[in-house]
Amino acid sequence: MRTYLDFEKSIAELESKVEELRSLETNGNAVSVADEIAALQVKARKALKETYAKLTPWQKTQVARHPDRPHSIDYVESLFEEFTPLAGDRCFAEDHAIIGGLARFRGRPVVVIGQEKGTDTQSRIVHNFGMARPEGYRKAIRLMTMAEKFQLPVVTFVDTPGAYPGVGAEERGQAEAIARSIERCMSLSVPIIAIVIGEGGSGGAIAIASANSVLMLEHAIYSVASPEAAASILWRDSNRAKDAATNMKITAKDLDELGVLDIIVEEPVGGAHRDRDAALQSIGDQLARTLESFEGQSAQEIRRHRRDKFLEMGVAQ
C-alpha cells in the first residue's frame, strides 16, 4: 500500500479510483473501463505534477521524511559493487546509525559512509532513527583516515534529524566527536562528496558533509536544526514547525541560492519514493560526474578547494 502525505489527498482519491476500476476489470466486468482508467491516470499525473511543483518548505520536510523514501542502504546496494562493511570505532562500540566501508563505484574504489534511519520499527530501533552517537562519528573518522591512507575518494550519504542528544552520548563526548569529524573532513587530501538524500539535520549532518561538493536531492532538507526543534527554541512551541521550516531556508532551492550546496539533483515527479530506481540512477550519474571533476587534482588543490568553498559562505557580494 502506498503511503500518502496529508497534502496528497486529491491525488490519493484519484489513484484509489484507478485501483477500484482495475479491480473491476480484473474480476471480469463485462463493461470496458480502460478509457475511464486512462482518463483518471492522466488527471492523477497532472495533479501530482502540479502539487509537487509548488511544495512549501514544510511539505518538502514531509517528503524528505517519507517512510518509503530510499535510504543510505538502498543507495549503497544499488550504486556500489563489492561493498565491504566495516564496524566499530576502536574506542567504545559499533553504532548502527552510521554505516560505512569499502566499495567500488562503477569500477572505482571508494570509501562510502552513510546515515541510516531504518525502514520498519525494528530496523529503526537498531539504527536509532539515523541519530548517531559519538562512536558513530568516530567510526566515520576512522573510515576517512583509512580513505586518505589508501588515497580513495569518500562518498557520504546524509540522512539524519540530528545527532543523538541522549545523556550517554553527551557523557562520551558528542560535541567533541562531531567537531573531530568535521575537522577530519576538512583536512582530507582526497575528495569527499556529500549527498543529502533526506534530512540533513544540524551538526549531525555537517559531521560527514563538510565536503568538496555537496549534492542535494530536490525534495531533501538541510538545516541547522529540525523545524520542531527550531520552533521550540524560537517560540517555545513545537507546533510552529511550519513557520520555522519557512523561515530557516531549508529547501534545496534556498540553499543553492545561498551557496551552501553545489548541485541539486532532480527527483522523479512525486518524489524519490515514487520511482526509486530513477532516483537512484540520477544520484549515480551525478556522483560519477562529480568524482570525475576532481581527477588529476593534487592533495593541496583538493584541500584548498574545500577550504575556500566554506570560507566563501556567508560573504556579502
C-alpha atoms as a PDB file:
ATOM      1  CA  MET A   1       0.000   0.000   0.000  1.00  0.00           C
ATOM      2  CA  ARG A   2       1.272   3.446  -0.941  1.00  0.00           C
ATOM      3  CA  THR A   3       1.643   5.939   1.890  1.00  0.00           C
ATOM      4  CA  TYR A   4       0.122   9.342   1.124  1.00  0.00           C
ATOM      5  CA  LEU A   5       1.033  12.593   2.833  1.00  0.00           C
ATOM      6  CA  ASP A   6      -1.658  14.936   4.105  1.00  0.00           C
ATOM      7  CA  PHE A   7      -1.335  17.345   1.165  1.00  0.00           C
ATOM      8  CA  GLU A   8      -1.767  14.492  -1.351  1.00  0.00           C
ATOM      9  CA  LYS A   9      -5.459  13.904  -0.587  1.00  0.00           C
ATOM     10  CA  SER A  10      -6.718  14.706  -4.092  1.00  0.00           C
ATOM     11  CA  ILE A  11      -4.030  12.507  -5.648  1.00  0.00           C
ATOM     12  CA  ALA A  12      -4.914   9.654  -3.287  1.00  0.00           C
ATOM     13  CA  GLU A  13      -8.594   9.859  -4.262  1.00  0.00           C
ATOM     14  CA  LEU A  14      -7.829   9.716  -7.983  1.00  0.00           C
ATOM     15  CA  GLU A  15      -5.382   6.845  -7.660  1.00  0.00           C
ATOM     16  CA  SER A  16      -7.797   4.941  -5.409  1.00  0.00           C
ATOM     17  CA  LYS A  17     -10.469   5.214  -8.105  1.00  0.00           C
ATOM     18  CA  VAL A  18      -7.985   3.878 -10.655  1.00  0.00           C
ATOM     19  CA  GLU A  19      -7.284   0.863  -8.447  1.00  0.00           C
ATOM     20  CA  GLU A  20     -11.013   0.247  -7.925  1.00  0.00           C
ATOM     21  CA  LEU A  21     -11.631   0.253 -11.672  1.00  0.00           C
ATOM     22  CA  ARG A  22      -8.673  -2.054 -12.270  1.00  0.00           C
ATOM     23  CA  SER A  23     -10.127  -4.430  -9.694  1.00  0.00           C
ATOM     24  CA  LEU A  24     -13.447  -4.475 -11.579  1.00  0.00           C
ATOM     25  CA  GLU A  25     -11.586  -5.129 -14.817  1.00  0.00           C
ATOM     26  CA  THR A  26      -9.638  -7.995 -13.257  1.00  0.00           C
ATOM     27  CA  ASN A  27     -12.813  -9.578 -11.893  1.00  0.00           C
ATOM     28  CA  GLY A  28     -14.228  -9.931 -15.361  1.00  0.00           C
ATOM     29  CA  ASN A  29     -16.544  -6.927 -15.533  1.00  0.00           C
ATOM     30  CA  ALA A  30     -18.362  -7.039 -18.877  1.00  0.00           C
ATOM     31  CA  VAL A  31     -18.159  -3.276 -19.369  1.00  0.00           C
ATOM     32  CA  SER A  32     -14.760  -1.985 -20.501  1.00  0.00           C
ATOM     33  CA  VAL A  33     -13.346   0.642 -18.163  1.00  0.00           C
ATOM     34  CA  ALA A  34      -9.990   1.070 -19.908  1.00  0.00           C
ATOM     35  CA  ASP A  35     -10.825   4.548 -21.210  1.00  0.00           C
ATOM     36  CA  GLU A  36     -12.003   5.724 -17.807  1.00  0.00           C
ATOM     37  CA  ILE A  37      -8.848   4.342 -16.179  1.00  0.00           C
ATOM     38  CA  ALA A  38      -6.661   6.142 -18.718  1.00  0.00           C
ATOM     39  CA  ALA A  39      -8.502   9.425 -18.160  1.00  0.00           C
ATOM     40  CA  LEU A  40      -8.156   9.140 -14.371  1.00  0.00           C
ATOM     41  CA  GLN A  41      -4.459   8.330 -14.691  1.00  0.00           C
ATOM     42  CA  VAL A  42      -3.938  11.495 -16.724  1.00  0.00           C
ATOM     43  CA  LYS A  43      -5.766  13.521 -14.075  1.00  0.00           C
ATOM     44  CA  ALA A  44      -3.764  11.919 -11.258  1.00  0.00           C
ATOM     45  CA  ARG A  45      -0.477  12.538 -13.044  1.00  0.00           C
ATOM     46  CA  LYS A  46      -1.413  16.171 -13.677  1.00  0.00           C
ATOM     47  CA  ALA A  47      -2.463  16.675 -10.041  1.00  0.00           C
ATOM     48  CA  LEU A  48       0.790  15.081  -8.857  1.00  0.00           C
ATOM     49  CA  LYS A  49       2.912  17.290 -11.090  1.00  0.00           C
ATOM     50  CA  GLU A  50       1.072  20.469 -10.089  1.00  0.00           C
ATOM     51  CA  THR A  51       1.218  19.632  -6.386  1.00  0.00           C
ATOM     52  CA  TYR A  52       4.952  18.894  -6.352  1.00  0.00           C
ATOM     53  CA  ALA A  53       5.761  21.973  -8.427  1.00  0.00           C
ATOM     54  CA  LYS A  54       4.650  24.266  -5.590  1.00  0.00           C
ATOM     55  CA  LEU A  55       5.550  22.468  -2.374  1.00  0.00           C
ATOM     56  CA  THR A  56       6.013  24.621   0.724  1.00  0.00           C
ATOM     57  CA  PRO A  57       9.115  24.141   2.901  1.00  0.00           C
ATOM     58  CA  TRP A  58       7.023  22.204   5.426  1.00  0.00           C
ATOM     59  CA  GLN A  59       5.623  19.938   2.711  1.00  0.00           C
ATOM     60  CA  LYS A  60       9.161  19.300   1.480  1.00  0.00           C
ATOM     61  CA  THR A  61      10.051  18.360   5.047  1.00  0.00           C
ATOM     62  CA  GLN A  62       7.273  15.774   4.976  1.00  0.00           C
ATOM     63  CA  VAL A  63       8.527  14.406   1.650  1.00  0.00           C
ATOM     64  CA  ALA A  64      12.108  14.244   2.970  1.00  0.00           C
ATOM     65  CA  ARG A  65      10.804  12.124   5.871  1.00  0.00           C
ATOM     66  CA  HIS A  66       8.572   9.891   3.756  1.00  0.00           C
ATOM     67  CA  PRO A  67       8.854   6.299   5.060  1.00  0.00           C
ATOM     68  CA  ASP A  68       9.203   4.885   1.524  1.00  0.00           C
ATOM     69  CA  ARG A  69      11.991   7.251   0.507  1.00  0.00           C
ATOM     70  CA  PRO A  70      15.262   5.477  -0.439  1.00  0.00           C
ATOM     71  CA  HIS A  71      17.735   5.371   2.451  1.00  0.00           C
ATOM     72  CA  SER A  72      21.519   5.104   2.550  1.00  0.00           C
ATOM     73  CA  ILE A  73      21.420   1.307   2.444  1.00  0.00           C
ATOM     74  CA  ASP A  74      19.370   1.449  -0.759  1.00  0.00           C
ATOM     75  CA  TYR A  75      21.909   3.732  -2.443  1.00  0.00           C
ATOM     76  CA  VAL A  76      24.819   1.590  -1.311  1.00  0.00           C
ATOM     77  CA  GLU A  77      23.214  -1.632  -2.523  1.00  0.00           C
ATOM     78  CA  SER A  78      22.153  -0.134  -5.850  1.00  0.00           C
ATOM     79  CA  LEU A  79      25.106   2.048  -6.827  1.00  0.00           C
ATOM     80  CA  PHE A  80      28.143   0.291  -5.361  1.00  0.00           C
ATOM     81  CA  GLU A  81      29.750  -3.065  -6.012  1.00  0.00           C
ATOM     82  CA  GLU A  82      31.762  -5.217  -3.627  1.00  0.00           C
ATOM     83  CA  PHE A  83      30.646  -3.235  -0.590  1.00  0.00           C
ATOM     84  CA  THR A  84      32.534  -4.466   2.469  1.00  0.00           C
ATOM     85  CA  PRO A  85      31.059  -3.003   5.666  1.00  0.00           C
ATOM     86  CA  LEU A  86      33.452  -2.062   8.450  1.00  0.00           C
ATOM     87  CA  ALA A  87      32.258  -1.750  12.046  1.00  0.00           C
ATOM     88  CA  GLY A  88      33.302  -0.134  15.303  1.00  0.00           C
ATOM     89  CA  ASP A  89      35.156   2.996  16.329  1.00  0.00           C
ATOM     90  CA  ARG A  90      38.010   1.111  18.079  1.00  0.00           C
ATOM     91  CA  CYS A  91      37.172   3.078  21.219  1.00  0.00           C
ATOM     92  CA  PHE A  92      33.769   2.124  22.567  1.00  0.00           C
ATOM     93  CA  ALA A  93      31.255   0.333  20.351  1.00  0.00           C
ATOM     94  CA  GLU A  94      29.588  -0.112  16.978  1.00  0.00           C
ATOM     95  CA  ASP A  95      26.969   2.494  16.080  1.00  0.00           C
ATOM     96  CA  HIS A  96      24.441   1.223  13.538  1.00  0.00           C
ATOM     97  CA  ALA A  97      23.167   4.759  12.847  1.00  0.00           C
ATOM     98  CA  ILE A  98      26.199   5.145  10.581  1.00  0.00           C
ATOM     99  CA  ILE A  99      27.091   2.507   8.023  1.00  0.00           C
ATOM    100  CA  GLY A 100      30.331   2.518   6.089  1.00  0.00           C
ATOM    101  CA  GLY A 101      33.032   0.554   4.408  1.00  0.00           C
ATOM    102  CA  LEU A 102      34.984  -0.083   1.225  1.00  0.00           C
ATOM    103  CA  ALA A 103      33.286  -0.408  -2.139  1.00  0.00           C
ATOM    104  CA  ARG A 104      33.621   0.136  -5.858  1.00  0.00           C
ATOM    105  CA  PHE A 105      31.623   2.758  -7.686  1.00  0.00           C
ATOM    106  CA  ARG A 106      31.474   1.965 -11.394  1.00  0.00           C
ATOM    107  CA  GLY A 107      34.845   0.259 -11.095  1.00  0.00           C
ATOM    108  CA  ARG A 108      36.441   2.981  -8.964  1.00  0.00           C
ATOM    109  CA  PRO A 109      37.453   2.046  -5.377  1.00  0.00           C
ATOM    110  CA  VAL A 110      35.933   4.385  -2.799  1.00  0.00           C
ATOM    111  CA  VAL A 111      35.062   4.634   0.874  1.00  0.00           C
ATOM    112  CA  VAL A 112      31.334   5.098   1.458  1.00  0.00           C
ATOM    113  CA  ILE A 113      29.715   6.371   4.672  1.00  0.00           C
ATOM    114  CA  GLY A 114      26.014   6.875   5.281  1.00  0.00           C
ATOM    115  CA  GLN A 115      23.495   7.697   7.979  1.00  0.00           C
ATOM    116  CA  GLU A 116      20.796   5.037   8.072  1.00  0.00           C
ATOM    117  CA  LYS A 117      17.340   5.525   9.613  1.00  0.00           C
ATOM    118  CA  GLY A 118      15.886   2.074   9.079  1.00  0.00           C
ATOM    119  CA  THR A 119      12.725   1.073   7.222  1.00  0.00           C
ATOM    120  CA  ASP A 120      10.465  -0.549   9.820  1.00  0.00           C
ATOM    121  CA  THR A 121      10.028  -0.424  13.578  1.00  0.00           C
ATOM    122  CA  GLN A 122      12.697  -2.994  14.366  1.00  0.00           C
ATOM    123  CA  SER A 123      15.340  -1.617  11.982  1.00  0.00           C
ATOM    124  CA  ARG A 124      14.645   1.946  13.091  1.00  0.00           C
ATOM    125  CA  ILE A 125      15.359   0.968  16.666  1.00  0.00           C
ATOM    126  CA  VAL A 126      18.553  -0.806  15.596  1.00  0.00           C
ATOM    127  CA  HIS A 127      19.710   2.232  13.599  1.00  0.00           C
ATOM    128  CA  ASN A 128      18.425   4.677  16.252  1.00  0.00           C
ATOM    129  CA  PHE A 129      16.418   6.532  13.577  1.00  0.00           C
ATOM    130  CA  GLY A 130      19.659   7.704  11.962  1.00  0.00           C
ATOM    131  CA  MET A 131      20.768   9.652  15.043  1.00  0.00           C
ATOM    132  CA  ALA A 132      24.413   8.804  15.596  1.00  0.00           C
ATOM    133  CA  ARG A 133      26.211   8.664  18.934  1.00  0.00           C
ATOM    134  CA  PRO A 134      29.877   9.687  19.397  1.00  0.00           C
ATOM    135  CA  GLU A 135      31.068   6.213  18.417  1.00  0.00           C
ATOM    136  CA  GLY A 136      29.298   6.618  15.070  1.00  0.00           C
ATOM    137  CA  TYR A 137      31.217   9.776  14.256  1.00  0.00           C
ATOM    138  CA  ARG A 138      34.450   8.225  15.474  1.00  0.00           C
ATOM    139  CA  LYS A 139      33.804   5.315  13.127  1.00  0.00           C
ATOM    140  CA  ALA A 140      33.345   7.832  10.305  1.00  0.00           C
ATOM    141  CA  ILE A 141      36.657   9.453  11.255  1.00  0.00           C
ATOM    142  CA  ARG A 142      38.351   6.053  11.185  1.00  0.00           C
ATOM    143  CA  LEU A 143      36.983   5.328   7.719  1.00  0.00           C
ATOM    144  CA  MET A 144      38.006   8.743   6.391  1.00  0.00           C
ATOM    145  CA  THR A 145      41.518   8.284   7.767  1.00  0.00           C
ATOM    146  CA  MET A 146      41.701   4.919   6.011  1.00  0.00           C
ATOM    147  CA  ALA A 147      40.498   6.547   2.785  1.00  0.00           C
ATOM    148  CA  GLU A 148      43.315   9.076   2.976  1.00  0.00           C
ATOM    149  CA  LYS A 149      45.887   6.370   3.679  1.00  0.00           C
ATOM    150  CA  PHE A 150      44.912   4.478   0.526  1.00  0.00           C
ATOM    151  CA  GLN A 151      44.057   7.614  -1.492  1.00  0.00           C
ATOM    152  CA  LEU A 152      40.410   6.706  -2.018  1.00  0.00           C
ATOM    153  CA  PRO A 153      37.614   9.254  -2.603  1.00  0.00           C
ATOM    154  CA  VAL A 154      34.991   9.458   0.140  1.00  0.00           C
ATOM    155  CA  VAL A 155      31.257   9.418  -0.606  1.00  0.00           C
ATOM    156  CA  THR A 156      28.809  10.201   2.202  1.00  0.00           C
ATOM    157  CA  PHE A 157      25.013   9.942   2.346  1.00  0.00           C
ATOM    158  CA  VAL A 158      23.385  12.391   4.736  1.00  0.00           C
ATOM    159  CA  ASP A 159      20.012  11.491   6.245  1.00  0.00           C
ATOM    160  CA  THR A 160      19.527  12.339   9.913  1.00  0.00           C
ATOM    161  CA  PRO A 161      17.260  14.539  12.024  1.00  0.00           C
ATOM    162  CA  GLY A 162      20.375  15.299  14.082  1.00  0.00           C
ATOM    163  CA  ALA A 163      22.939  13.702  16.351  1.00  0.00           C
ATOM    164  CA  TYR A 164      21.562  11.660  19.263  1.00  0.00           C
ATOM    165  CA  PRO A 165      21.010  14.008  22.253  1.00  0.00           C
ATOM    166  CA  GLY A 166      20.942  11.346  24.989  1.00  0.00           C
ATOM    167  CA  VAL A 167      22.807  11.570  28.283  1.00  0.00           C
ATOM    168  CA  GLY A 168      25.139   8.706  27.392  1.00  0.00           C
ATOM    169  CA  ALA A 169      26.122  10.347  24.123  1.00  0.00           C
ATOM    170  CA  GLU A 170      26.889  13.613  25.891  1.00  0.00           C
ATOM    171  CA  GLU A 171      28.918  11.795  28.538  1.00  0.00           C
ATOM    172  CA  ARG A 172      31.029  10.165  25.837  1.00  0.00           C
ATOM    173  CA  GLY A 173      31.771  13.487  24.133  1.00  0.00           C
ATOM    174  CA  GLN A 174      29.159  14.002  21.429  1.00  0.00           C
ATOM    175  CA  ALA A 175      30.187  17.592  20.618  1.00  0.00           C
ATOM    176  CA  GLU A 176      33.877  16.703  20.524  1.00  0.00           C
ATOM    177  CA  ALA A 177      33.232  13.723  18.241  1.00  0.00           C
ATOM    178  CA  ILE A 178      31.234  15.868  15.801  1.00  0.00           C
ATOM    179  CA  ALA A 179      33.927  18.561  15.821  1.00  0.00           C
ATOM    180  CA  ARG A 180      36.652  15.978  15.187  1.00  0.00           C
ATOM    181  CA  SER A 181      34.653  14.517  12.323  1.00  0.00           C
ATOM    182  CA  ILE A 182      34.261  17.946  10.724  1.00  0.00           C
ATOM    183  CA  GLU A 183      37.991  18.540  11.205  1.00  0.00           C
ATOM    184  CA  ARG A 184      38.784  15.204   9.547  1.00  0.00           C
ATOM    185  CA  CYS A 185      36.538  16.069   6.575  1.00  0.00           C
ATOM    186  CA  MET A 186      38.272  19.411   6.123  1.00  0.00           C
ATOM    187  CA  SER A 187      41.805  18.012   6.361  1.00  0.00           C
ATOM    188  CA  LEU A 188      41.395  15.140   3.885  1.00  0.00           C
ATOM    189  CA  SER A 189      43.781  15.070   0.948  1.00  0.00           C
ATOM    190  CA  VAL A 190      41.254  13.102  -1.111  1.00  0.00           C
ATOM    191  CA  PRO A 191      37.950  14.441  -2.487  1.00  0.00           C
ATOM    192  CA  ILE A 192      34.860  13.975  -0.343  1.00  0.00           C
ATOM    193  CA  ILE A 193      31.405  14.143  -1.910  1.00  0.00           C
ATOM    194  CA  ALA A 194      28.362  14.502   0.361  1.00  0.00           C
ATOM    195  CA  ILE A 195      24.822  13.765  -0.819  1.00  0.00           C
ATOM    196  CA  VAL A 196      21.823  14.957   1.216  1.00  0.00           C
ATOM    197  CA  ILE A 197      19.183  12.333   0.416  1.00  0.00           C
ATOM    198  CA  GLY A 198      16.580  13.085   3.100  1.00  0.00           C
ATOM    199  CA  GLU A 199      17.070  15.151   6.233  1.00  0.00           C
ATOM    200  CA  GLY A 200      20.311  16.982   6.824  1.00  0.00           C
ATOM    201  CA  GLY A 201      19.902  17.960  10.432  1.00  0.00           C
ATOM    202  CA  SER A 202      22.273  20.106  12.486  1.00  0.00           C
ATOM    203  CA  GLY A 203      25.853  19.172  13.366  1.00  0.00           C
ATOM    204  CA  GLY A 204      24.880  15.549  12.965  1.00  0.00           C
ATOM    205  CA  ALA A 205      24.778  16.176   9.219  1.00  0.00           C
ATOM    206  CA  ILE A 206      27.716  18.597   8.947  1.00  0.00           C
ATOM    207  CA  ALA A 207      29.920  15.985  10.630  1.00  0.00           C
ATOM    208  CA  ILE A 208      30.034  13.994   7.389  1.00  0.00           C
ATOM    209  CA  ALA A 209      29.001  16.744   4.944  1.00  0.00           C
ATOM    210  CA  SER A 210      31.940  19.174   5.152  1.00  0.00           C
ATOM    211  CA  ALA A 211      32.757  18.177   1.615  1.00  0.00           C
ATOM    212  CA  ASN A 212      34.347  19.384  -1.600  1.00  0.00           C
ATOM    213  CA  SER A 213      30.984  19.045  -3.266  1.00  0.00           C
ATOM    214  CA  VAL A 214      27.555  18.861  -1.621  1.00  0.00           C
ATOM    215  CA  LEU A 215      24.791  17.314  -3.689  1.00  0.00           C
ATOM    216  CA  MET A 216      21.176  17.507  -2.548  1.00  0.00           C
ATOM    217  CA  LEU A 217      18.042  15.824  -3.770  1.00  0.00           C
ATOM    218  CA  GLU A 218      15.331  18.225  -4.911  1.00  0.00           C
ATOM    219  CA  HIS A 219      12.935  17.483  -2.041  1.00  0.00           C
ATOM    220  CA  ALA A 220      15.507  16.913   0.702  1.00  0.00           C
ATOM    221  CA  ILE A 221      16.054  19.433   3.517  1.00  0.00           C
ATOM    222  CA  TYR A 222      19.247  20.706   5.155  1.00  0.00           C
ATOM    223  CA  SER A 223      19.131  22.847   8.274  1.00  0.00           C
ATOM    224  CA  VAL A 224      20.812  23.957  11.479  1.00  0.00           C
ATOM    225  CA  ALA A 225      18.075  22.179  13.471  1.00  0.00           C
ATOM    226  CA  SER A 226      14.865  20.300  12.773  1.00  0.00           C
ATOM    227  CA  PRO A 227      11.833  22.578  12.267  1.00  0.00           C
ATOM    228  CA  GLU A 228      10.307  21.245  15.502  1.00  0.00           C
ATOM    229  CA  ALA A 229      13.460  21.945  17.498  1.00  0.00           C
ATOM    230  CA  ALA A 230      13.835  25.421  15.998  1.00  0.00           C
ATOM    231  CA  ALA A 231      10.200  26.238  16.805  1.00  0.00           C
ATOM    232  CA  SER A 232      10.716  25.110  20.402  1.00  0.00           C
ATOM    233  CA  ILE A 233      13.796  27.315  20.719  1.00  0.00           C
ATOM    234  CA  LEU A 234      12.418  30.411  18.981  1.00  0.00           C
ATOM    235  CA  TRP A 235       8.785  30.401  20.084  1.00  0.00           C
ATOM    236  CA  ARG A 236       8.682  27.788  22.858  1.00  0.00           C
ATOM    237  CA  ASP A 237       6.115  25.988  20.727  1.00  0.00           C
ATOM    238  CA  SER A 238       6.995  22.956  18.589  1.00  0.00           C
ATOM    239  CA  ASN A 239       3.596  23.249  16.877  1.00  0.00           C
ATOM    240  CA  ARG A 240       5.014  26.190  14.943  1.00  0.00           C
ATOM    241  CA  ALA A 241       7.310  23.873  12.994  1.00  0.00           C
ATOM    242  CA  LYS A 242       5.745  25.042   9.729  1.00  0.00           C
ATOM    243  CA  ASP A 243       6.781  28.627  10.486  1.00  0.00           C
ATOM    244  CA  ALA A 244      10.286  27.509  11.393  1.00  0.00           C
ATOM    245  CA  ALA A 245      10.635  25.475   8.185  1.00  0.00           C
ATOM    246  CA  THR A 246       9.672  28.508   6.118  1.00  0.00           C
ATOM    247  CA  ASN A 247      11.954  30.956   7.917  1.00  0.00           C
ATOM    248  CA  MET A 248      15.062  28.758   8.131  1.00  0.00           C
ATOM    249  CA  LYS A 249      15.510  28.390   4.348  1.00  0.00           C
ATOM    250  CA  ILE A 250      15.921  24.633   4.426  1.00  0.00           C
ATOM    251  CA  THR A 251      14.986  23.659   0.869  1.00  0.00           C
ATOM    252  CA  ALA A 252      17.419  22.811  -1.911  1.00  0.00           C
ATOM    253  CA  LYS A 253      16.405  25.885  -3.902  1.00  0.00           C
ATOM    254  CA  ASP A 254      17.012  28.219  -0.946  1.00  0.00           C
ATOM    255  CA  LEU A 255      20.340  26.639  -0.083  1.00  0.00           C
ATOM    256  CA  ASP A 256      21.510  26.748  -3.683  1.00  0.00           C
ATOM    257  CA  GLU A 257      20.810  30.490  -3.775  1.00  0.00           C
ATOM    258  CA  LEU A 258      22.733  30.903  -0.505  1.00  0.00           C
ATOM    259  CA  GLY A 259      25.723  28.972  -1.870  1.00  0.00           C
ATOM    260  CA  VAL A 260      25.523  26.228   0.747  1.00  0.00           C
ATOM    261  CA  LEU A 261      25.232  23.378  -1.737  1.00  0.00           C
ATOM    262  CA  ASP A 262      26.698  22.767  -5.169  1.00  0.00           C
ATOM    263  CA  ILE A 263      24.246  20.649  -7.139  1.00  0.00           C
ATOM    264  CA  ILE A 264      20.515  19.973  -6.923  1.00  0.00           C
ATOM    265  CA  VAL A 265      19.611  16.511  -8.184  1.00  0.00           C
ATOM    266  CA  GLU A 266      16.104  16.401  -9.626  1.00  0.00           C
ATOM    267  CA  GLU A 267      13.703  13.790  -8.297  1.00  0.00           C
ATOM    268  CA  PRO A 268      11.019  11.886 -10.212  1.00  0.00           C
ATOM    269  CA  VAL A 269       7.607  13.584 -10.235  1.00  0.00           C
ATOM    270  CA  GLY A 270       6.067  12.895  -6.838  1.00  0.00           C
ATOM    271  CA  GLY A 271       9.392  12.409  -5.048  1.00  0.00           C
ATOM    272  CA  ALA A 272      12.112   9.765  -4.907  1.00  0.00           C
ATOM    273  CA  HIS A 273       9.781   7.307  -3.161  1.00  0.00           C
ATOM    274  CA  ARG A 274       7.504   7.091  -6.228  1.00  0.00           C
ATOM    275  CA  ASP A 275      10.258   5.937  -8.585  1.00  0.00           C
ATOM    276  CA  ARG A 276      13.151   4.674  -6.528  1.00  0.00           C
ATOM    277  CA  ASP A 277      15.083   3.277  -9.499  1.00  0.00           C
ATOM    278  CA  ALA A 278      15.027   6.621 -11.323  1.00  0.00           C
ATOM    279  CA  ALA A 279      16.133   8.467  -8.177  1.00  0.00           C
ATOM    280  CA  LEU A 280      18.986   6.042  -7.584  1.00  0.00           C
ATOM    281  CA  GLN A 281      20.098   6.334 -11.217  1.00  0.00           C
ATOM    282  CA  SER A 282      20.060  10.147 -11.082  1.00  0.00           C
ATOM    283  CA  ILE A 283      22.252  10.168  -7.984  1.00  0.00           C
ATOM    284  CA  GLY A 284      24.626   7.649  -9.529  1.00  0.00           C
ATOM    285  CA  ASP A 285      25.080   9.626 -12.740  1.00  0.00           C
ATOM    286  CA  GLN A 286      25.650  12.916 -10.897  1.00  0.00           C
ATOM    287  CA  LEU A 287      28.071  11.288  -8.468  1.00  0.00           C
ATOM    288  CA  ALA A 288      30.087   9.904 -11.387  1.00  0.00           C
ATOM    289  CA  ARG A 289      30.346  13.359 -12.971  1.00  0.00           C
ATOM    290  CA  THR A 290      31.321  14.978  -9.678  1.00  0.00           C
ATOM    291  CA  LEU A 291      34.044  12.449  -8.884  1.00  0.00           C
ATOM    292  CA  GLU A 292      35.424  12.833 -12.397  1.00  0.00           C
ATOM    293  CA  SER A 293      35.724  16.604 -11.904  1.00  0.00           C
ATOM    294  CA  PHE A 294      38.345  16.045  -9.174  1.00  0.00           C
ATOM    295  CA  GLU A 295      40.511  13.642 -11.137  1.00  0.00           C
ATOM    296  CA  GLY A 296      44.110  14.746 -11.510  1.00  0.00           C
ATOM    297  CA  GLN A 297      43.960  17.309  -8.706  1.00  0.00           C
ATOM    298  CA  SER A 298      46.726  17.301  -6.127  1.00  0.00           C
ATOM    299  CA  ALA A 299      46.146  16.938  -2.385  1.00  0.00           C
ATOM    300  CA  GLN A 300      46.920  20.634  -1.948  1.00  0.00           C
ATOM    301  CA  GLU A 301      44.394  21.628  -4.612  1.00  0.00           C
ATOM    302  CA  ILE A 302      41.695  19.426  -3.085  1.00  0.00           C
ATOM    303  CA  ARG A 303      42.225  20.858   0.402  1.00  0.00           C
ATOM    304  CA  ARG A 304      42.299  24.429  -0.929  1.00  0.00           C
ATOM    305  CA  HIS A 305      39.107  23.875  -2.895  1.00  0.00           C
ATOM    306  CA  ARG A 306      37.303  22.622   0.223  1.00  0.00           C
ATOM    307  CA  ARG A 307      38.702  25.381   2.432  1.00  0.00           C
ATOM    308  CA  ASP A 308      37.814  28.185   0.030  1.00  0.00           C
ATOM    309  CA  LYS A 309      34.334  26.773  -0.500  1.00  0.00           C
ATOM    310  CA  PHE A 310      33.445  27.059   3.180  1.00  0.00           C
ATOM    311  CA  LEU A 311      35.229  30.377   3.780  1.00  0.00           C
ATOM    312  CA  GLU A 312      33.199  31.948   0.972  1.00  0.00           C
ATOM    313  CA  MET A 313      29.864  31.006   2.547  1.00  0.00           C
ATOM    314  CA  GLY A 314      28.046  33.965   4.026  1.00  0.00           C
ATOM    315  CA  VAL A 315      30.338  36.555   2.484  1.00  0.00           C
ATOM    316  CA  ALA A 316      28.364  39.561   1.206  1.00  0.00           C
ATOM    317  CA  GLN A 317      28.668  40.028  -2.533  1.00  0.00           C
END
